[in-house]
Amino acid sequence: MTRLPATEALIVLAESVVADGFDAHRPAVIDLVAAARDRGIRPILTGIVADSTAPRAVRERALGRLIVALAASTAPTPGERPAIRATAA
């Protein structure tokens, strides 16, 4: 499974794409799309983000929504407790 960057890194990627365009961040966008596809998250959005013929504004909006969906999929469930790790005595 493709490793997913931290939420903060995803936000920086989105801001960078808006500032510089998709071509300037192609490897990171490709990795993000792969991570979302691996997790089965929003196939419509991944298709739009990956489609270089789609209008830039449409791709940017899809990227933002995809990042929100990815962040939500990795966020802990409310009330979820972190795992307790055993320590060596």
Protein backbone atom coordinates (compact mmCIF):
# COMPACT_ATOMS: atom_id res chain seq x y z
CA MET A 1 0.00 0.00 0.00
CA THR A 2 1.27 3.46 -0.90
CA ARG A 3 2.35 5.51 2.10
CA LEU A 4 0.18 8.51 2.84
CA PRO A 5 1.81 11.78 3.93
CA ALA A 6 0.69 13.53 7.12
CA THR A 7 -2.31 15.84 6.87
CA GLU A 8 -0.07 18.90 7.14
CA ALA A 9 1.97 17.71 4.16
CA LEU A 10 -1.22 17.18 2.17
CA ILE A 11 -2.30 20.75 2.89
CA VAL A 12 1.10 22.06 1.81
CA LEU A 13 0.81 20.03 -1.39
CA ALA A 14 -2.63 21.51 -2.13
CA GLU A 15 -1.36 25.05 -1.53
CA SER A 16 1.70 24.40 -3.68
CA VAL A 17 -0.39 23.05 -6.55
CA VAL A 18 -2.60 26.14 -6.43
CA ALA A 19 0.46 28.41 -6.45
CA ASP A 20 2.63 26.54 -8.96
CA GLY A 21 0.31 24.30 -10.98
CA PHE A 22 -0.04 20.53 -11.20
CA ASP A 23 2.96 20.02 -13.48
CA ALA A 24 5.34 21.49 -10.90
CA HIS A 25 4.23 18.86 -8.37
CA ARG A 26 3.49 15.93 -10.66
CA PRO A 27 5.36 13.22 -8.64
CA ALA A 28 3.65 14.18 -5.38
CA VAL A 29 0.23 14.34 -7.04
CA ILE A 30 0.79 10.93 -8.66
CA ASP A 31 1.75 9.48 -5.25
CA LEU A 32 -1.33 11.03 -3.65
CA VAL A 33 -3.63 9.62 -6.31
CA ALA A 34 -2.01 6.19 -5.92
CA ALA A 35 -2.49 6.30 -2.14
CA ALA A 36 -6.15 7.24 -2.53
CA ARG A 37 -6.73 4.52 -5.13
CA ASP A 38 -5.00 1.92 -2.92
CA ARG A 39 -7.48 2.80 -0.17
CA GLY A 40 -10.48 2.89 -2.50
CA ILE A 41 -11.14 6.52 -1.62
CA ARG A 42 -13.32 8.58 -3.96
CA PRO A 43 -12.48 7.10 -7.39
CA ILE A 44 -14.26 9.96 -9.15
CA LEU A 45 -11.98 12.50 -7.46
CA THR A 46 -8.81 10.52 -8.15
CA GLY A 47 -9.80 10.33 -11.80
CA ILE A 48 -10.31 14.08 -12.03
CA VAL A 49 -7.06 14.90 -10.23
CA ALA A 50 -5.14 12.52 -12.52
CA ASP A 51 -6.77 13.89 -15.70
CA SER A 52 -4.37 16.45 -17.12
CA THR A 53 -6.98 17.48 -19.72
CA ALA A 54 -9.50 18.59 -17.08
CA PRO A 55 -9.67 22.32 -16.36
CA ARG A 56 -7.22 23.41 -13.68
CA ALA A 57 -9.92 24.82 -11.39
CA VAL A 58 -11.84 21.54 -11.53
CA ARG A 59 -8.69 19.55 -10.73
CA GLU A 60 -7.80 21.89 -7.85
CA ARG A 61 -11.27 21.52 -6.33
CA ALA A 62 -11.10 17.74 -6.72
CA LEU A 63 -7.64 17.71 -5.12
CA GLY A 64 -8.95 19.63 -2.11
CA ARG A 65 -11.89 17.27 -1.67
CA LEU A 66 -9.62 14.25 -2.10
CA ILE A 67 -7.26 15.53 0.58
CA VAL A 68 -10.18 16.04 2.96
CA ALA A 69 -11.37 12.47 2.28
CA LEU A 70 -7.86 11.06 2.81
CA ALA A 71 -7.39 13.00 6.03
CA ALA A 72 -10.77 11.80 7.30
CA SER A 73 -9.93 8.20 6.45
CA THR A 74 -6.78 8.29 8.56
CA ALA A 75 -8.17 10.33 11.47
CA PRO A 76 -8.89 8.44 14.67
CA THR A 77 -12.53 7.75 15.40
CA PRO A 78 -13.94 10.01 18.13
CA GLY A 79 -13.51 8.27 21.46
CA GLU A 80 -10.88 5.93 20.04
CA ARG A 81 -8.05 5.31 22.45
CA PRO A 82 -4.47 4.91 21.28
CA ALA A 83 -2.96 1.47 21.51
CA ILE A 84 -1.07 0.73 24.70
CA ARG A 85 2.42 -0.50 24.05
CA ALA A 86 4.20 -2.88 26.35
CA THR A 87 7.49 -1.66 27.74
CA ALA A 88 10.44 -3.77 28.66
CA ALA A 89 10.87 -4.22 32.39
